[in-house]
Amino acid sequence: MTATKLIELAARRFGADPRQLKPADDMFETLGIDSFQAADLMTEVELEFDVEIPDYELQGIKTFQALADKIDARR
């Protein structure tokens, strides 16, 4: 559920088709974003999911599912 909501949020933010995105997709490659855009996305994610995730916990997170798992762990 979290991964689906995350995909919808990211797709809306970057103008992608959420039906083309899968939880195992690399967010950077699939959305064509860089680290600055990812930081903007994280601001929206933290507001949407009411979580705060420190930057150091996001290192190495590349897939929608990995980020969804991190969000779920912080709730």
Protein backbone atom coordinates (compact mmCIF):
# COMPACT_ATOMS: atom_id res chain seq x y z
CA MET A 1 0.00 0.00 0.00
CA THR A 2 2.75 2.45 0.91
CA ALA A 3 4.67 1.66 -2.29
CA THR A 4 1.57 2.31 -4.41
CA LYS A 5 0.89 5.64 -2.73
CA LEU A 6 4.57 6.58 -3.06
CA ILE A 7 4.55 5.73 -6.77
CA GLU A 8 1.44 7.85 -7.30
CA LEU A 9 3.03 10.79 -5.46
CA ALA A 10 6.29 10.54 -7.42
CA ALA A 11 4.46 10.12 -10.74
CA ARG A 12 2.35 13.20 -10.06
CA ARG A 13 5.42 15.21 -9.01
CA PHE A 14 7.48 14.31 -12.07
CA GLY A 15 4.76 13.86 -14.70
CA ALA A 16 5.15 10.10 -15.09
CA ASP A 17 2.49 7.48 -15.71
CA PRO A 18 2.04 5.60 -12.42
CA ARG A 19 0.88 2.52 -14.33
CA GLN A 20 4.36 2.27 -15.84
CA LEU A 21 6.12 2.34 -12.45
CA LYS A 22 6.76 -0.75 -10.34
CA PRO A 23 7.86 -1.02 -6.69
CA ALA A 24 11.18 -2.60 -7.72
CA ASP A 25 12.01 0.21 -10.17
CA ASP A 26 14.99 2.44 -9.55
CA MET A 27 13.42 5.85 -8.84
CA PHE A 28 16.33 7.80 -10.30
CA GLU A 29 16.43 5.88 -13.59
CA THR A 30 12.69 5.46 -14.05
CA LEU A 31 11.79 9.07 -13.24
CA GLY A 32 14.95 10.54 -14.74
CA ILE A 33 15.69 12.56 -11.61
CA ASP A 34 18.88 13.66 -9.89
CA SER A 35 19.71 13.91 -6.19
CA PHE A 36 18.33 17.46 -5.91
CA GLN A 37 14.98 16.39 -7.35
CA ALA A 38 15.00 13.37 -5.05
CA ALA A 39 15.47 15.72 -2.07
CA ASP A 40 12.43 17.73 -3.22
CA LEU A 41 10.46 14.51 -3.50
CA MET A 42 11.51 13.53 0.03
CA THR A 43 10.06 16.78 1.38
CA GLU A 44 6.72 15.86 -0.17
CA VAL A 45 7.01 12.25 1.02
CA GLU A 46 7.65 13.33 4.61
CA LEU A 47 4.62 15.64 4.53
CA GLU A 48 2.35 13.11 2.82
CA PHE A 49 3.26 10.20 5.08
CA ASP A 50 3.84 12.28 8.24
CA VAL A 51 7.33 10.85 8.81
CA GLU A 52 10.78 12.31 9.20
CA ILE A 53 13.62 10.30 7.70
CA PRO A 54 17.18 11.51 8.29
CA ASP A 55 19.33 11.86 5.18
CA TYR A 56 21.81 9.25 6.39
CA GLU A 57 19.01 6.63 6.40
CA LEU A 58 18.28 7.36 2.74
CA GLN A 59 21.76 6.53 1.48
CA GLY A 60 21.58 3.57 -0.86
CA ILE A 61 17.78 3.74 -1.19
CA LYS A 62 16.99 3.61 -4.89
CA THR A 63 13.76 1.69 -5.39
CA PHE A 64 10.22 2.70 -4.57
CA GLN A 65 9.85 -0.43 -2.42
CA ALA A 66 13.00 0.28 -0.41
CA LEU A 67 11.76 3.80 0.32
CA ALA A 68 8.29 2.47 1.16
CA ASP A 69 9.86 0.01 3.61
CA LYS A 70 11.81 2.85 5.23
CA ILE A 71 8.61 4.92 5.53
CA ASP A 72 6.76 2.01 7.11
CA ALA A 73 9.59 1.46 9.58
CA ARG A 74 9.33 5.09 10.73
CA ARG A 75 5.57 5.04 11.36
